[in-house]
N, C-alpha and C. Protein backbone atom coordinates (compact mmCIF):
# COMPACT_ATOMS: atom_id res chain seq x y z
N MET A 1 45.85 -92.09 -18.12
CA MET A 1 45.33 -92.15 -19.60
C MET A 1 46.09 -92.72 -20.68
N GLU A 2 45.27 -93.20 -21.56
CA GLU A 2 45.76 -93.99 -22.94
C GLU A 2 46.02 -93.05 -23.79
N GLY A 3 47.00 -93.15 -24.49
CA GLY A 3 47.38 -92.35 -25.90
C GLY A 3 46.81 -92.81 -26.89
N VAL A 4 46.61 -92.04 -28.01
CA VAL A 4 46.20 -92.73 -29.32
C VAL A 4 46.90 -91.87 -30.44
N ASN A 5 47.54 -92.51 -31.33
CA ASN A 5 47.87 -91.64 -32.59
C ASN A 5 46.88 -91.63 -33.63
N LEU A 6 46.49 -90.42 -33.83
CA LEU A 6 45.60 -89.89 -34.94
C LEU A 6 46.02 -89.40 -36.37
N THR A 7 45.93 -89.99 -37.20
CA THR A 7 46.79 -89.87 -38.61
C THR A 7 46.48 -88.06 -39.03
N PHE A 8 47.42 -87.75 -39.33
CA PHE A 8 47.17 -86.16 -39.77
C PHE A 8 47.81 -86.04 -40.90
N TYR A 9 47.26 -85.59 -41.91
CA TYR A 9 47.62 -85.01 -43.51
C TYR A 9 47.73 -83.72 -43.52
N LYS A 10 48.95 -83.22 -44.04
CA LYS A 10 49.53 -81.67 -44.07
C LYS A 10 48.56 -81.43 -45.19
N GLU A 11 48.11 -80.13 -45.41
CA GLU A 11 47.29 -79.91 -46.40
C GLU A 11 48.00 -79.79 -47.78
N GLU A 12 49.29 -79.58 -47.68
CA GLU A 12 49.95 -79.41 -49.14
C GLU A 12 50.13 -81.00 -49.42
N ASP A 13 49.95 -81.73 -48.84
CA ASP A 13 50.37 -83.40 -49.15
C ASP A 13 48.83 -83.94 -49.48
N TRP A 14 47.79 -83.20 -49.46
CA TRP A 14 46.62 -83.78 -49.69
C TRP A 14 45.87 -84.07 -50.91
N ASN A 15 46.32 -83.76 -52.03
CA ASN A 15 46.38 -84.43 -53.47
C ASN A 15 47.33 -85.30 -53.57
N ARG A 16 48.56 -85.22 -53.20
CA ARG A 16 49.33 -86.46 -53.37
C ARG A 16 49.04 -87.65 -52.64
N PHE A 17 48.29 -87.49 -51.42
CA PHE A 17 47.91 -88.47 -50.43
C PHE A 17 46.80 -89.06 -51.47
N LEU A 18 45.79 -88.22 -51.86
CA LEU A 18 45.01 -88.84 -52.58
C LEU A 18 45.17 -89.85 -53.89
N GLU A 19 46.06 -89.27 -54.48
CA GLU A 19 46.53 -90.17 -55.67
C GLU A 19 47.35 -91.57 -55.56
N SER A 20 47.82 -91.73 -54.13
CA SER A 20 48.50 -92.83 -53.54
C SER A 20 47.55 -93.78 -52.98
N ILE A 21 45.97 -93.34 -52.70
CA ILE A 21 45.54 -94.39 -52.01
C ILE A 21 44.70 -95.38 -52.96
N ASP A 22 44.16 -96.37 -52.63
CA ASP A 22 43.57 -97.46 -53.07
C ASP A 22 41.88 -97.22 -52.84
N ASP A 23 41.54 -96.39 -51.73
CA ASP A 23 40.30 -96.32 -51.40
C ASP A 23 39.66 -95.16 -51.94
N ARG A 24 40.30 -94.03 -52.70
CA ARG A 24 39.91 -92.88 -52.99
C ARG A 24 38.23 -92.59 -52.78
N ASP A 25 37.41 -93.64 -53.14
CA ASP A 25 36.16 -93.06 -53.23
C ASP A 25 35.73 -92.95 -51.58
N SER A 26 36.28 -93.57 -50.74
CA SER A 26 35.85 -93.49 -49.51
C SER A 26 36.48 -92.28 -48.64
N MET A 27 37.25 -91.46 -49.46
CA MET A 27 38.16 -90.48 -48.62
C MET A 27 37.35 -89.19 -48.95
N HIS A 28 37.30 -88.14 -48.14
CA HIS A 28 36.97 -86.66 -48.24
C HIS A 28 37.51 -86.20 -49.80
N ASP A 29 36.56 -85.30 -50.26
CA ASP A 29 37.39 -84.79 -51.61
C ASP A 29 38.46 -83.56 -51.62
N THR A 30 38.29 -82.87 -50.45
CA THR A 30 39.05 -81.91 -50.21
C THR A 30 39.82 -82.17 -48.82
N TRP A 31 40.76 -81.40 -48.46
CA TRP A 31 41.55 -81.37 -47.12
C TRP A 31 40.54 -80.84 -46.11
N LYS A 32 39.91 -79.50 -46.47
CA LYS A 32 39.03 -78.73 -45.59
C LYS A 32 38.04 -79.57 -45.14
N GLU A 33 37.62 -80.34 -45.92
CA GLU A 33 36.16 -81.43 -45.14
C GLU A 33 36.89 -82.41 -44.54
N TRP A 34 38.03 -83.11 -44.73
CA TRP A 34 38.64 -84.24 -44.22
C TRP A 34 38.99 -83.57 -42.59
N HIS A 35 39.90 -82.24 -42.57
CA HIS A 35 40.24 -81.87 -41.82
C HIS A 35 39.11 -81.42 -40.41
N LYS A 36 37.68 -80.97 -41.31
CA LYS A 36 36.84 -80.93 -40.19
C LYS A 36 36.31 -82.13 -39.59
N ALA A 37 36.25 -83.20 -40.09
CA ALA A 37 36.13 -84.68 -39.94
C ALA A 37 36.92 -85.03 -38.56
N TYR A 38 38.47 -84.74 -38.83
CA TYR A 38 39.51 -84.99 -38.18
C TYR A 38 39.27 -84.31 -36.79
N GLN A 39 38.96 -83.20 -36.79
CA GLN A 39 38.65 -82.41 -35.54
C GLN A 39 37.50 -82.95 -34.72
N LYS A 40 36.46 -83.30 -35.55
CA LYS A 40 35.52 -83.69 -34.40
C LYS A 40 35.73 -85.33 -34.16
N THR A 41 36.48 -85.99 -34.80
CA THR A 41 37.11 -87.25 -34.09
C THR A 41 38.07 -87.10 -33.17
N LYS A 42 38.86 -86.15 -33.15
CA LYS A 42 39.89 -85.75 -32.28
C LYS A 42 38.97 -85.10 -30.73
N LYS A 43 38.16 -84.40 -31.02
CA LYS A 43 37.52 -83.95 -29.83
C LYS A 43 36.73 -84.81 -29.16
N GLY A 44 36.38 -85.69 -30.13
CA GLY A 44 35.43 -87.05 -29.15
C GLY A 44 36.12 -87.66 -28.62
N LEU A 45 37.34 -88.23 -29.00
CA LEU A 45 38.42 -88.98 -28.31
C LEU A 45 38.95 -88.35 -27.05
N ILE A 46 39.38 -87.10 -27.08
CA ILE A 46 39.60 -86.14 -25.59
C ILE A 46 38.46 -86.24 -24.80
N ALA A 47 37.26 -85.92 -25.60
CA ALA A 47 36.08 -85.94 -24.45
C ALA A 47 36.20 -87.40 -23.72
N LYS A 48 36.33 -88.53 -24.32
CA LYS A 48 36.24 -89.93 -23.59
C LYS A 48 37.63 -90.05 -22.86
N GLY A 49 38.28 -89.03 -22.59
CA GLY A 49 39.61 -89.52 -21.65
C GLY A 49 40.98 -89.85 -22.66
N PHE A 50 40.98 -89.95 -23.64
CA PHE A 50 42.20 -90.33 -24.44
C PHE A 50 43.43 -88.93 -24.41
N ILE A 51 44.36 -89.47 -24.82
CA ILE A 51 45.16 -88.20 -25.02
C ILE A 51 45.62 -88.64 -26.59
N VAL A 52 45.28 -87.70 -27.37
CA VAL A 52 45.50 -87.85 -28.86
C VAL A 52 46.76 -87.03 -29.38
N ASN A 53 47.47 -87.97 -29.82
CA ASN A 53 48.69 -87.30 -30.77
C ASN A 53 48.39 -87.37 -32.19
N ASP A 54 48.76 -86.18 -32.59
CA ASP A 54 48.92 -85.84 -34.03
C ASP A 54 50.08 -86.46 -34.56
N PHE A 55 49.55 -87.70 -35.51
CA PHE A 55 50.72 -88.19 -36.14
C PHE A 55 50.60 -87.87 -37.70
N VAL A 56 51.25 -86.97 -37.72
CA VAL A 56 51.60 -86.22 -39.02
C VAL A 56 52.31 -87.67 -40.21
N VAL A 57 51.61 -87.58 -41.24
CA VAL A 57 51.79 -88.79 -42.19
C VAL A 57 52.77 -88.28 -43.04
N ASP A 58 54.16 -88.95 -43.50
CA ASP A 58 54.74 -88.52 -44.33
C ASP A 58 54.37 -89.67 -45.81
N ILE A 59 53.97 -89.01 -46.58
CA ILE A 59 53.58 -89.97 -47.75
C ILE A 59 54.42 -90.82 -48.36
N ASP A 60 55.54 -90.39 -48.65
CA ASP A 60 56.54 -91.39 -49.15
C ASP A 60 56.71 -92.92 -47.94
N GLU A 61 56.50 -92.41 -46.72
CA GLU A 61 56.90 -93.43 -45.68
C GLU A 61 55.78 -94.36 -45.88
N LEU A 62 54.51 -93.63 -46.03
CA LEU A 62 53.38 -94.52 -46.24
C LEU A 62 53.25 -95.34 -47.21
N ILE A 63 53.54 -94.77 -48.51
CA ILE A 63 53.51 -95.45 -49.65
C ILE A 63 54.63 -96.57 -49.73
N ASN A 64 55.69 -96.57 -49.09
CA ASN A 64 56.82 -97.59 -48.77
C ASN A 64 56.38 -98.77 -48.12
N TYR A 65 55.46 -98.38 -47.09
CA TYR A 65 55.30 -99.25 -45.94
C TYR A 65 54.27 -100.38 -46.65
N CYS A 66 53.31 -99.65 -47.48
CA CYS A 66 52.28 -100.48 -48.15
C CYS A 66 53.00 -101.50 -49.29
N LYS A 67 54.02 -100.84 -49.87
CA LYS A 67 54.75 -101.50 -51.23
C LYS A 67 55.58 -102.82 -50.39
N ILE A 68 56.29 -102.29 -49.35
CA ILE A 68 57.02 -103.63 -48.68
C ILE A 68 56.33 -104.64 -48.40
N ARG A 69 55.22 -104.42 -47.84
CA ARG A 69 54.03 -105.36 -47.17
C ARG A 69 53.14 -106.18 -48.43
N LYS A 70 53.24 -105.25 -49.44
CA LYS A 70 52.30 -105.68 -50.65
C LYS A 70 51.03 -105.52 -50.22
N ILE A 71 50.47 -104.65 -49.68
CA ILE A 71 49.07 -104.49 -49.09
C ILE A 71 48.64 -103.06 -49.86
N LYS A 72 47.23 -103.27 -50.01
CA LYS A 72 46.74 -102.00 -50.45
C LYS A 72 46.87 -100.70 -49.64
N ASN A 73 47.06 -99.71 -50.32
CA ASN A 73 47.12 -98.27 -49.45
C ASN A 73 45.52 -97.76 -48.86
N ASP A 74 45.42 -98.55 -48.21
CA ASP A 74 43.52 -98.18 -47.61
C ASP A 74 43.73 -97.94 -46.09
N GLY A 75 42.22 -97.55 -45.70
CA GLY A 75 41.97 -97.27 -44.36
C GLY A 75 42.73 -98.34 -43.24
N LYS A 76 42.39 -99.32 -43.68
CA LYS A 76 43.27 -100.45 -42.65
C LYS A 76 44.61 -100.58 -42.80
N ALA A 77 45.23 -100.46 -43.69
CA ALA A 77 46.71 -100.28 -43.74
C ALA A 77 47.32 -98.86 -43.18
N ARG A 78 46.57 -97.84 -43.53
CA ARG A 78 47.21 -96.61 -42.68
C ARG A 78 46.96 -96.49 -41.44
N SER A 79 45.66 -97.36 -40.71
CA SER A 79 45.76 -97.65 -39.61
C SER A 79 46.89 -98.28 -38.67
N LYS A 80 47.24 -99.18 -39.32
CA LYS A 80 48.55 -100.31 -39.00
C LYS A 80 49.56 -99.47 -39.01
N PHE A 81 49.75 -98.71 -39.90
CA PHE A 81 50.92 -97.69 -40.23
C PHE A 81 50.99 -96.66 -39.12
N ALA A 82 49.96 -96.31 -38.75
CA ALA A 82 50.14 -95.36 -37.49
C ALA A 82 50.30 -96.04 -36.09
N LEU A 83 49.70 -97.25 -36.11
CA LEU A 83 49.94 -97.75 -34.88
C LEU A 83 51.30 -98.25 -34.61
N ASN A 84 51.98 -98.61 -35.80
CA ASN A 84 53.31 -98.98 -35.65
C ASN A 84 54.30 -98.02 -35.71
N ARG A 85 53.99 -96.82 -35.28
CA ARG A 85 54.94 -95.53 -35.29
C ARG A 85 54.91 -95.27 -33.70
């Protein structure tokens, strides 16, 4: 079975995360809304046979990752960030 890293944000980091991203309009307003969608995605991947690893995002690492590469902190960048871990 193939393993996938699924980005996970801690509730206490949520507001800081929202302040740091460039695609704020496309993100859930609250951590609870996001977490509900996260759980649905995780269950769907597990149902398809994937091994899902919760990849807890360090907000500072994510910000630095984007700064160093001179890229926007958006969904595409966050996916690459998780893949490179």
